[in-house]
PDB file of N, CA and C in Angstrom:
ATOM      1  N   MET A   1     107.569 101.158 153.530  1.00  0.00           N
ATOM      2  CA  MET A   1     106.446 101.142 152.834  1.00  0.00           C
ATOM      3  C   MET A   1     105.988 102.518 152.037  1.00  0.00           C
ATOM      4  N   ARG A   2     106.293 103.258 152.649  1.00  0.00           N
ATOM      5  CA  ARG A   2     106.052 104.861 151.946  1.00  0.00           C
ATOM      6  C   ARG A   2     107.092 105.387 151.436  1.00  0.00           C
ATOM      7  N   ALA A   3     108.570 104.610 151.640  1.00  0.00           N
ATOM      8  CA  ALA A   3     109.413 105.234 150.751  1.00  0.00           C
ATOM      9  C   ALA A   3     109.257 104.633 149.006  1.00  0.00           C
ATOM     10  N   SER A   4     108.635 102.908 149.170  1.00  0.00           N
ATOM     11  CA  SER A   4     108.810 102.375 148.446  1.00  0.00           C
ATOM     12  C   SER A   4     107.446 103.072 147.522  1.00  0.00           C
ATOM     13  N   LEU A   5     106.403 103.332 147.868  1.00  0.00           N
ATOM     14  CA  LEU A   5     105.174 104.265 147.139  1.00  0.00           C
ATOM     15  C   LEU A   5     105.705 105.629 146.494  1.00  0.00           C
ATOM     16  N   ALA A   6     106.629 106.090 147.389  1.00  0.00           N
ATOM     17  CA  ALA A   6     106.960 107.518 146.685  1.00  0.00           C
ATOM     18  C   ALA A   6     108.040 107.080 145.492  1.00  0.00           C
ATOM     19  N   LEU A   7     109.125 106.076 145.629  1.00  0.00           N
ATOM     20  CA  LEU A   7     109.433 105.485 144.804  1.00  0.00           C
ATOM     21  C   LEU A   7     109.125 105.232 143.227  1.00  0.00           C
ATOM     22  N   ALA A   8     107.860 104.556 143.691  1.00  0.00           N
ATOM     23  CA  ALA A   8     106.731 104.109 142.221  1.00  0.00           C
ATOM     24  C   ALA A   8     106.100 105.619 141.653  1.00  0.00           C
ATOM     25  N   LEU A   9     105.917 106.429 142.427  1.00  0.00           N
ATOM     26  CA  LEU A   9     104.940 107.765 142.122  1.00  0.00           C
ATOM     27  C   LEU A   9     106.272 108.746 141.008  1.00  0.00           C
ATOM     28  N   VAL A  10     107.555 108.787 141.999  1.00  0.00           N
ATOM     29  CA  VAL A  10     108.510 109.243 141.032  1.00  0.00           C
ATOM     30  C   VAL A  10     108.917 108.549 139.885  1.00  0.00           C
ATOM     31  N   VAL A  11     108.582 106.859 139.616  1.00  0.00           N
ATOM     32  CA  VAL A  11     108.873 106.065 138.180  1.00  0.00           C
ATOM     33  C   VAL A  11     108.057 106.448 137.655  1.00  0.00           C
ATOM     34  N   LEU A  12     106.313 106.884 137.937  1.00  0.00           N
ATOM     35  CA  LEU A  12     105.361 106.660 136.657  1.00  0.00           C
ATOM     36  C   LEU A  12     105.899 108.237 136.563  1.00  0.00           C
ATOM     37  N   LEU A  13     105.836 109.561 137.248  1.00  0.00           N
ATOM     38  CA  LEU A  13     106.151 110.560 136.925  1.00  0.00           C
ATOM     39  C   LEU A  13     107.024 110.932 135.431  1.00  0.00           C
ATOM     40  N   LEU A  14     108.423 110.326 135.832  1.00  0.00           N
ATOM     41  CA  LEU A  14     109.143 110.631 134.679  1.00  0.00           C
ATOM     42  C   LEU A  14     109.101 109.330 133.638  1.00  0.00           C
ATOM     43  N   ALA A  15     108.482 107.980 133.622  1.00  0.00           N
ATOM     44  CA  ALA A  15     107.744 107.552 132.503  1.00  0.00           C
ATOM     45  C   ALA A  15     106.726 108.500 131.784  1.00  0.00           C
ATOM     46  N   GLY A  16     106.217 109.547 132.735  1.00  0.00           N
ATOM     47  CA  GLY A  16     104.764 110.035 131.340  1.00  0.00           C
ATOM     48  C   GLY A  16     105.851 110.896 130.749  1.00  0.00           C
ATOM     49  N   CYS A  17     107.107 111.526 131.218  1.00  0.00           N
ATOM     50  CA  CYS A  17     107.882 112.775 130.608  1.00  0.00           C
ATOM     51  C   CYS A  17     108.785 111.789 129.627  1.00  0.00           C
ATOM     52  N   ALA A  18     108.775 110.802 128.777  1.00  0.00           N
ATOM     53  CA  ALA A  18     108.985 110.343 127.948  1.00  0.00           C
ATOM     54  C   ALA A  18     109.056 110.820 126.864  1.00  0.00           C
ATOM     55  N   THR A  19     109.960 110.903 125.556  1.00  0.00           N
ATOM     56  CA  THR A  19     109.584 111.702 124.145  1.00  0.00           C
ATOM     57  C   THR A  19     108.426 110.034 123.835  1.00  0.00           C
ATOM     58  N   PRO A  20     107.907 110.922 122.577  1.00  0.00           N
ATOM     59  CA  PRO A  20     106.839 110.235 122.009  1.00  0.00           C
ATOM     60  C   PRO A  20     107.752 109.427 121.076  1.00  0.00           C
ATOM     61  N   ILE A  21     106.970 108.556 120.931  1.00  0.00           N
ATOM     62  CA  ILE A  21     107.725 107.580 119.659  1.00  0.00           C
ATOM     63  C   ILE A  21     107.124 107.896 118.249  1.00  0.00           C
ATOM     64  N   PRO A  22     107.945 108.290 117.574  1.00  0.00           N
ATOM     65  CA  PRO A  22     107.804 108.398 116.147  1.00  0.00           C
ATOM     66  C   PRO A  22     106.607 107.532 115.701  1.00  0.00           C
ATOM     67  N   SER A  23     105.961 107.298 114.985  1.00  0.00           N
ATOM     68  CA  SER A  23     105.191 106.995 114.103  1.00  0.00           C
ATOM     69  C   SER A  23     104.471 107.593 112.704  1.00  0.00           C
ATOM     70  N   LYS A  24     104.414 106.777 111.406  1.00  0.00           N
ATOM     71  CA  LYS A  24     103.050 107.342 110.629  1.00  0.00           C
ATOM     72  C   LYS A  24     102.196 107.773 111.059  1.00  0.00           C
ATOM     73  N   ASP A  25     101.179 108.268 110.866  1.00  0.00           N
ATOM     74  CA  ASP A  25      99.822 108.737 111.953  1.00  0.00           C
ATOM     75  C   ASP A  25      98.821 108.931 110.115  1.00  0.00           C
ATOM     76  N   ASP A  26      99.644 108.670 108.965  1.00  0.00           N
ATOM     77  CA  ASP A  26      98.418 108.670 107.974  1.00  0.00           C
ATOM     78  C   ASP A  26      97.896 107.254 107.284  1.00  0.00           C
ATOM     79  N   PHE A  27      97.293 106.939 106.818  1.00  0.00           N
ATOM     80  CA  PHE A  27      96.820 105.316 106.131  1.00  0.00           C
ATOM     81  C   PHE A  27      95.997 106.000 104.987  1.00  0.00           C
ATOM     82  N   GLY A  28      95.696 104.451 104.272  1.00  0.00           N
ATOM     83  CA  GLY A  28      94.626 104.652 103.385  1.00  0.00           C
ATOM     84  C   GLY A  28      94.165 103.403 103.121  1.00  0.00           C
ATOM     85  N   ALA A  29      92.560 103.804 102.282  1.00  0.00           N
ATOM     86  CA  ALA A  29      91.617 102.331 102.217  1.00  0.00           C
ATOM     87  C   ALA A  29      91.212 102.869 100.973  1.00  0.00           C
ATOM     88  N   SER A  30      91.005 101.416 100.187  1.00  0.00           N
ATOM     89  CA  SER A  30      90.405 101.659  98.838  1.00  0.00           C
ATOM     90  C   SER A  30      89.307 100.593  98.123  1.00  0.00           C
ATOM     91  N   ALA A  31      88.959 101.193  97.803  1.00  0.00           N
ATOM     92  CA  ALA A  31      87.768 100.258  96.832  1.00  0.00           C
ATOM     93  C   ALA A  31      87.354 100.830  95.372  1.00  0.00           C
ATOM     94  N   LEU A  32      86.974  99.348  94.486  1.00  0.00           N
ATOM     95  CA  LEU A  32      86.320  99.421  93.235  1.00  0.00           C
ATOM     96  C   LEU A  32      85.482  99.315  93.355  1.00  0.00           C
ATOM     97  N   ILE A  33      84.652 100.021  92.870  1.00  0.00           N
ATOM     98  CA  ILE A  33      83.352 100.163  92.296  1.00  0.00           C
ATOM     99  C   ILE A  33      82.714 100.173  91.151  1.00  0.00           C
ATOM    100  N   ALA A  34      81.777  99.042  91.160  1.00  0.00           N
ATOM    101  CA  ALA A  34      81.142  98.547  89.774  1.00  0.00           C
ATOM    102  C   ALA A  34      80.400  99.698  88.982  1.00  0.00           C
ATOM    103  N   VAL A  35      81.088 100.019  87.698  1.00  0.00           N
ATOM    104  CA  VAL A  35      80.291 100.536  86.856  1.00  0.00           C
ATOM    105  C   VAL A  35      79.264 100.206  85.479  1.00  0.00           C
ATOM    106  N   GLY A  36      78.614 100.435  85.495  1.00  0.00           N
ATOM    107  CA  GLY A  36      77.914  99.821  83.838  1.00  0.00           C
ATOM    108  C   GLY A  36      78.477  98.465  83.668  1.00  0.00           C
ATOM    109  N   ASN A  37      78.467  97.733  82.642  1.00  0.00           N
ATOM    110  CA  ASN A  37      78.576  96.397  82.234  1.00  0.00           C
ATOM    111  C   ASN A  37      79.832  95.720  83.094  1.00  0.00           C
ATOM    112  N   VAL A  38      79.751  94.839  84.093  1.00  0.00           N
ATOM    113  CA  VAL A  38      80.689  94.072  84.726  1.00  0.00           C
ATOM    114  C   VAL A  38      80.866  92.868  84.665  1.00  0.00           C
ATOM    115  N   PRO A  39      82.038  92.167  84.083  1.00  0.00           N
ATOM    116  CA  PRO A  39      81.791  90.905  84.241  1.00  0.00           C
ATOM    117  C   PRO A  39      81.691  90.116  85.315  1.00  0.00           C
ATOM    118  N   PRO A  40      80.554  88.419  85.650  1.00  0.00           N
ATOM    119  CA  PRO A  40      80.307  88.213  86.995  1.00  0.00           C
ATOM    120  C   PRO A  40      81.833  88.039  88.150  1.00  0.00           C
ATOM    121  N   GLY A  41      82.429  87.264  87.180  1.00  0.00           N
ATOM    122  CA  GLY A  41      83.614  87.640  88.313  1.00  0.00           C
ATOM    123  C   GLY A  41      83.984  88.613  88.915  1.00  0.00           C
ATOM    124  N   PHE A  42      84.092  89.313  88.072  1.00  0.00           N
ATOM    125  CA  PHE A  42      85.102  91.048  88.516  1.00  0.00           C
ATOM    126  C   PHE A  42      83.062  91.576  89.830  1.00  0.00           C
ATOM    127  N   ALA A  43      82.169  91.607  89.395  1.00  0.00           N
ATOM    128  CA  ALA A  43      80.997  91.308  90.150  1.00  0.00           C
ATOM    129  C   ALA A  43      81.228  90.723  91.378  1.00  0.00           C
ATOM    130  N   GLU A  44      80.966  89.767  91.459  1.00  0.00           N
ATOM    131  CA  GLU A  44      81.248  88.803  93.060  1.00  0.00           C
ATOM    132  C   GLU A  44      82.259  89.505  93.707  1.00  0.00           C
ATOM    133  N   PHE A  45      83.391  89.294  92.892  1.00  0.00           N
ATOM    134  CA  PHE A  45      84.623  89.737  93.710  1.00  0.00           C
ATOM    135  C   PHE A  45      84.763  90.980  94.544  1.00  0.00           C
ATOM    136  N   ASN A  46      84.191  91.807  93.639  1.00  0.00           N
ATOM    137  CA  ASN A  46      84.295  93.324  94.093  1.00  0.00           C
ATOM    138  C   ASN A  46      82.916  94.088  94.429  1.00  0.00           C
ATOM    139  N   ARG A  47      82.479  92.929  95.357  1.00  0.00           N
ATOM    140  CA  ARG A  47      80.959  93.840  96.135  1.00  0.00           C
ATOM    141  C   ARG A  47      81.523  94.515  97.525  1.00  0.00           C
ATOM    142  N   PHE A  48      81.452  95.903  97.315  1.00  0.00           N
ATOM    143  CA  PHE A  48      82.184  97.048  97.494  1.00  0.00           C
ATOM    144  C   PHE A  48      81.372  98.221  97.532  1.00  0.00           C
ATOM    145  N   ASP A  49      81.014  98.646  98.778  1.00  0.00           N
ATOM    146  CA  ASP A  49      80.195 100.179  98.986  1.00  0.00           C
ATOM    147  C   ASP A  49      81.384 100.688  99.002  1.00  0.00           C
ATOM    148  N   PRO A  50      81.591 102.171  98.948  1.00  0.00           N
ATOM    149  CA  PRO A  50      82.426 103.340  98.919  1.00  0.00           C
ATOM    150  C   PRO A  50      82.213 103.574 100.058  1.00  0.00           C
ATOM    151  N   ALA A  51      81.340 103.263 101.120  1.00  0.00           N
ATOM    152  CA  ALA A  51      81.005 103.780 101.944  1.00  0.00           C
ATOM    153  C   ALA A  51      81.893 103.247 103.991  1.00  0.00           C
ATOM    154  N   THR A  52      82.184 102.336 102.430  1.00  0.00           N
ATOM    155  CA  THR A  52      82.897 101.359 103.408  1.00  0.00           C
ATOM    156  C   THR A  52      84.543 101.838 104.084  1.00  0.00           C
ATOM    157  N   ASN A  53      84.800 103.180 103.239  1.00  0.00           N
ATOM    158  CA  ASN A  53      86.234 103.339 103.609  1.00  0.00           C
ATOM    159  C   ASN A  53      86.207 103.885 104.689  1.00  0.00           C
ATOM    160  N   ASP A  54      85.110 105.272 104.995  1.00  0.00           N
ATOM    161  CA  ASP A  54      84.866 105.580 106.012  1.00  0.00           C
ATOM    162  C   ASP A  54      84.516 104.674 107.004  1.00  0.00           C
ATOM    163  N   LEU A  55      84.379 103.684 107.343  1.00  0.00           N
ATOM    164  CA  LEU A  55      84.072 102.587 108.093  1.00  0.00           C
ATOM    165  C   LEU A  55      85.537 102.530 108.449  1.00  0.00           C
ATOM    166  N   LEU A  56      86.194 101.442 107.939  1.00  0.00           N
ATOM    167  CA  LEU A  56      87.565 101.602 108.056  1.00  0.00           C
ATOM    168  C   LEU A  56      88.579 102.236 108.541  1.00  0.00           C
ATOM    169  N   ALA A  57      88.105 103.355 107.999  1.00  0.00           N
ATOM    170  CA  ALA A  57      88.996 104.657 108.547  1.00  0.00           C
ATOM    171  C   ALA A  57      88.483 104.836 110.078  1.00  0.00           C
ATOM    172  N   ASP A  58      87.363 105.002 110.011  1.00  0.00           N
ATOM    173  CA  ASP A  58      86.988 104.646 111.723  1.00  0.00           C
ATOM    174  C   ASP A  58      87.447 103.562 112.834  1.00  0.00           C
ATOM    175  N   GLN A  59      87.345 102.682 111.926  1.00  0.00           N
ATOM    176  CA  GLN A  59      87.520 101.409 112.781  1.00  0.00           C
ATOM    177  C   GLN A  59      89.500 101.478 113.685  1.00  0.00           C
ATOM    178  N   LEU A  60      90.212 102.081 112.230  1.00  0.00           N
ATOM    179  CA  LEU A  60      91.628 101.771 112.177  1.00  0.00           C
ATOM    180  C   LEU A  60      91.958 102.549 113.198  1.00  0.00           C
ATOM    181  N   CYS A  61      90.886 104.156 113.477  1.00  0.00           N
ATOM    182  CA  CYS A  61      91.443 105.274 114.426  1.00  0.00           C
ATOM    183  C   CYS A  61      91.274 105.452 115.996  1.00  0.00           C
ATOM    184  N   ALA A  62      91.793 105.385 116.958  1.00  0.00           N
ATOM    185  CA  ALA A  62      90.672 105.721 118.014  1.00  0.00           C
ATOM    186  C   ALA A  62      90.128 106.899 118.397  1.00  0.00           C
ATOM    187  N   THR A  63      90.898 108.103 117.975  1.00  0.00           N
ATOM    188  CA  THR A  63      90.122 109.045 117.893  1.00  0.00           C
ATOM    189  C   THR A  63      89.637 109.357 116.683  1.00  0.00           C
ATOM    190  N   PRO A  64      89.071 110.359 116.624  1.00  0.00           N
ATOM    191  CA  PRO A  64      88.675 110.628 115.303  1.00  0.00           C
ATOM    192  C   PRO A  64      89.425 110.715 113.824  1.00  0.00           C
ATOM    193  N   PHE A  65      88.997 110.986 112.857  1.00  0.00           N
ATOM    194  CA  PHE A  65      89.580 110.766 111.665  1.00  0.00           C
ATOM    195  C   PHE A  65      89.609 112.227 110.788  1.00  0.00           C
ATOM    196  N   GLN A  66      91.012 112.632 110.321  1.00  0.00           N
ATOM    197  CA  GLN A  66      91.140 113.497 109.103  1.00  0.00           C
ATOM    198  C   GLN A  66      91.423 113.195 107.725  1.00  0.00           C
ATOM    199  N   ARG A  67      90.003 113.341 107.026  1.00  0.00           N
ATOM    200  CA  ARG A  67      90.456 112.935 105.400  1.00  0.00           C
ATOM    201  C   ARG A  67      91.055 113.817 105.069  1.00  0.00           C
ATOM    202  N   LEU A  68      92.477 113.310 104.029  1.00  0.00           N
ATOM    203  CA  LEU A  68      93.492 114.743 103.553  1.00  0.00           C
ATOM    204  C   LEU A  68      93.480 114.270 102.577  1.00  0.00           C
ATOM    205  N   GLU A  69      92.736 113.720 101.671  1.00  0.00           N
ATOM    206  CA  GLU A  69      92.351 113.320 100.278  1.00  0.00           C
ATOM    207  C   GLU A  69      91.821 112.343 100.265  1.00  0.00           C
ATOM    208  N   GLU A  70      91.050 112.657  98.761  1.00  0.00           N
ATOM    209  CA  GLU A  70      89.844 111.531  98.448  1.00  0.00           C
ATOM    210  C   GLU A  70      90.299 111.286  96.719  1.00  0.00           C
ATOM    211  N   ASN A  71      90.739 110.498  95.917  1.00  0.00           N
ATOM    212  CA  ASN A  71      90.834 110.292  94.465  1.00  0.00           C
ATOM    213  C   ASN A  71      89.601 109.604  94.217  1.00  0.00           C
ATOM    214  N   ALA A  72      89.143 109.662  93.343  1.00  0.00           N
ATOM    215  CA  ALA A  72      88.441 108.842  92.242  1.00  0.00           C
ATOM    216  C   ALA A  72      88.968 108.657  90.300  1.00  0.00           C
ATOM    217  N   LEU A  73      89.460 107.337  90.861  1.00  0.00           N
ATOM    218  CA  LEU A  73      89.970 107.304  89.094  1.00  0.00           C
ATOM    219  C   LEU A  73      89.577 106.068  88.459  1.00  0.00           C
ATOM    220  N   GLU A  74      89.646 106.632  87.107  1.00  0.00           N
ATOM    221  CA  GLU A  74      89.451 105.446  85.969  1.00  0.00           C
ATOM    222  C   GLU A  74      90.142 104.166  86.157  1.00  0.00           C
ATOM    223  N   ALA A  75      89.461 102.706  86.421  1.00  0.00           N
ATOM    224  CA  ALA A  75      89.637 101.758  86.519  1.00  0.00           C
ATOM    225  C   ALA A  75      88.622 100.418  85.210  1.00  0.00           C
ATOM    226  N   THR A  76      89.155  99.584  84.968  1.00  0.00           N
ATOM    227  CA  THR A  76      88.690  98.441  83.962  1.00  0.00           C
ATOM    228  C   THR A  76      88.495  97.150  84.834  1.00  0.00           C
ATOM    229  N   PRO A  77      87.311  96.487  84.829  1.00  0.00           N
ATOM    230  CA  PRO A  77      85.933  97.138  84.972  1.00  0.00           C
ATOM    231  C   PRO A  77      85.836  98.204  86.297  1.00  0.00           C
ATOM    232  N   GLY A  78      84.810  99.719  86.124  1.00  0.00           N
ATOM    233  CA  GLY A  78      84.210 100.152  86.922  1.00  0.00           C
ATOM    234  C   GLY A  78      85.417 101.843  87.625  1.00  0.00           C
ATOM    235  N   ARG A  79      85.142 102.019  88.767  1.00  0.00           N
ATOM    236  CA  ARG A  79      86.373 103.399  88.993  1.00  0.00           C
ATOM    237  C   ARG A  79      86.545 102.664  90.236  1.00  0.00           C
ATOM    238  N   PHE A  80      87.726 103.088  90.738  1.00  0.00           N
ATOM    239  CA  PHE A  80      89.105 102.593  91.892  1.00  0.00           C
ATOM    240  C   PHE A  80      88.897 104.322  92.593  1.00  0.00           C
ATOM    241  N   GLU A  81      88.242 104.389  94.062  1.00  0.00           N
ATOM    242  CA  GLU A  81      87.881 105.115  94.625  1.00  0.00           C
ATOM    243  C   GLU A  81      89.393 104.708  96.431  1.00  0.00           C
ATOM    244  N   GLN A  82      89.821 106.003  96.202  1.00  0.00           N
ATOM    245  CA  GLN A  82      91.112 105.675  97.349  1.00  0.00           C
ATOM    246  C   GLN A  82      90.993 106.987  98.033  1.00  0.00           C
ATOM    247  N   LEU A  83      90.719 107.049  99.497  1.00  0.00           N
ATOM    248  CA  LEU A  83      91.273 107.489 101.089  1.00  0.00           C
ATOM    249  C   LEU A  83      92.352 107.750 101.466  1.00  0.00           C
ATOM    250  N   MET A  84      92.676 108.644 101.645  1.00  0.00           N
ATOM    251  CA  MET A  84      93.488 109.211 102.341  1.00  0.00           C
ATOM    252  C   MET A  84      93.217 109.674 103.798  1.00  0.00           C
ATOM    253  N   ALA A  85      93.700 109.537 104.728  1.00  0.00           N
ATOM    254  CA  ALA A  85      92.984 109.990 106.184  1.00  0.00           C
ATOM    255  C   ALA A  85      94.286 109.774 107.424  1.00  0.00           C
ATOM    256  N   ARG A  86      93.684 110.799 108.128  1.00  0.00           N
ATOM    257  CA  ARG A  86      94.738 110.540 109.413  1.00  0.00           C
ATOM    258  C   ARG A  86      93.947 110.387 110.353  1.00  0.00           C
ATOM    259  N   CYS A  87      94.827 109.856 111.764  1.00  0.00           N
ATOM    260  CA  CYS A  87      93.845 109.777 113.074  1.00  0.00           C
ATOM    261  C   CYS A  87      93.887 111.515 113.825  1.00  0.00           C
ATOM    262  N   ARG A  88      93.696 112.288 114.571  1.00  0.00           N
ATOM    263  CA  ARG A  88      93.726 112.957 114.963  1.00  0.00           C
ATOM    264  C   ARG A  88      94.155 112.817 116.384  1.00  0.00           C
ATOM    265  N   THR A  89      95.270 113.790 116.445  1.00  0.00           N
ATOM    266  CA  THR A  89      95.578 113.342 118.039  1.00  0.00           C
ATOM    267  C   THR A  89      95.228 113.525 119.165  1.00  0.00           C
ATOM    268  N   HIS A  90      95.576 112.542 119.619  1.00  0.00           N
ATOM    269  CA  HIS A  90      94.768 112.840 121.109  1.00  0.00           C
ATOM    270  C   HIS A  90      95.270 113.667 121.915  1.00  0.00           C
ATOM    271  N   VAL A  91      94.291 114.551 123.046  1.00  0.00           N
ATOM    272  CA  VAL A  91      94.654 115.487 123.913  1.00  0.00           C
ATOM    273  C   VAL A  91      94.498 114.947 125.348  1.00  0.00           C
ATOM    274  N   PRO A  92      95.566 114.666 126.056  1.00  0.00           N
ATOM    275  CA  PRO A  92      95.091 114.154 127.699  1.00  0.00           C
ATOM    276  C   PRO A  92      94.469 115.090 128.318  1.00  0.00           C
ATOM    277  N   LEU A  93      93.863 114.685 129.257  1.00  0.00           N
ATOM    278  CA  LEU A  93      92.979 115.440 130.122  1.00  0.00           C
ATOM    279  C   LEU A  93      93.921 116.386 131.166  1.00  0.00           C
ATOM    280  N   PHE A  94      95.021 115.512 131.748  1.00  0.00           N
ATOM    281  CA  PHE A  94      96.408 116.268 132.149  1.00  0.00           C
ATOM    282  C   PHE A  94      97.692 116.487 131.737  1.00  0.00           C
ATOM    283  N   GLY A  95      98.151 117.190 131.893  1.00  0.00           N
ATOM    284  CA  GLY A  95      99.413 117.155 131.465  1.00  0.00           C
ATOM    285  C   GLY A  95      99.595 117.914 129.492  1.00  0.00           C
ATOM    286  N   SER A  96     100.937 117.436 129.082  1.00  0.00           N
ATOM    287  CA  SER A  96     101.186 118.625 127.789  1.00  0.00           C
ATOM    288  C   SER A  96     100.780 117.507 126.453  1.00  0.00           C
TER     289      SER A  96
END
């Protein structure tokens, strides 16, 4: 019993030392904001609050997010806002 427990602990220790899996950690969120006279079809389809970009980024990340880039582009009709963000790296309590 003790030998199997020791073996299980060694396996868990080795699994914790595995190399990290490479991943793309940045993402984007965008919104079309109605400005001026907008046709009714566009206005109903694009009821979008610019603060929703922050909400989407907050929901995608388990850790707080960092803003990388925020753009406001002209669009017809309205304005197109884009947020590029990255989730902050998780720092474990123990280990490296």
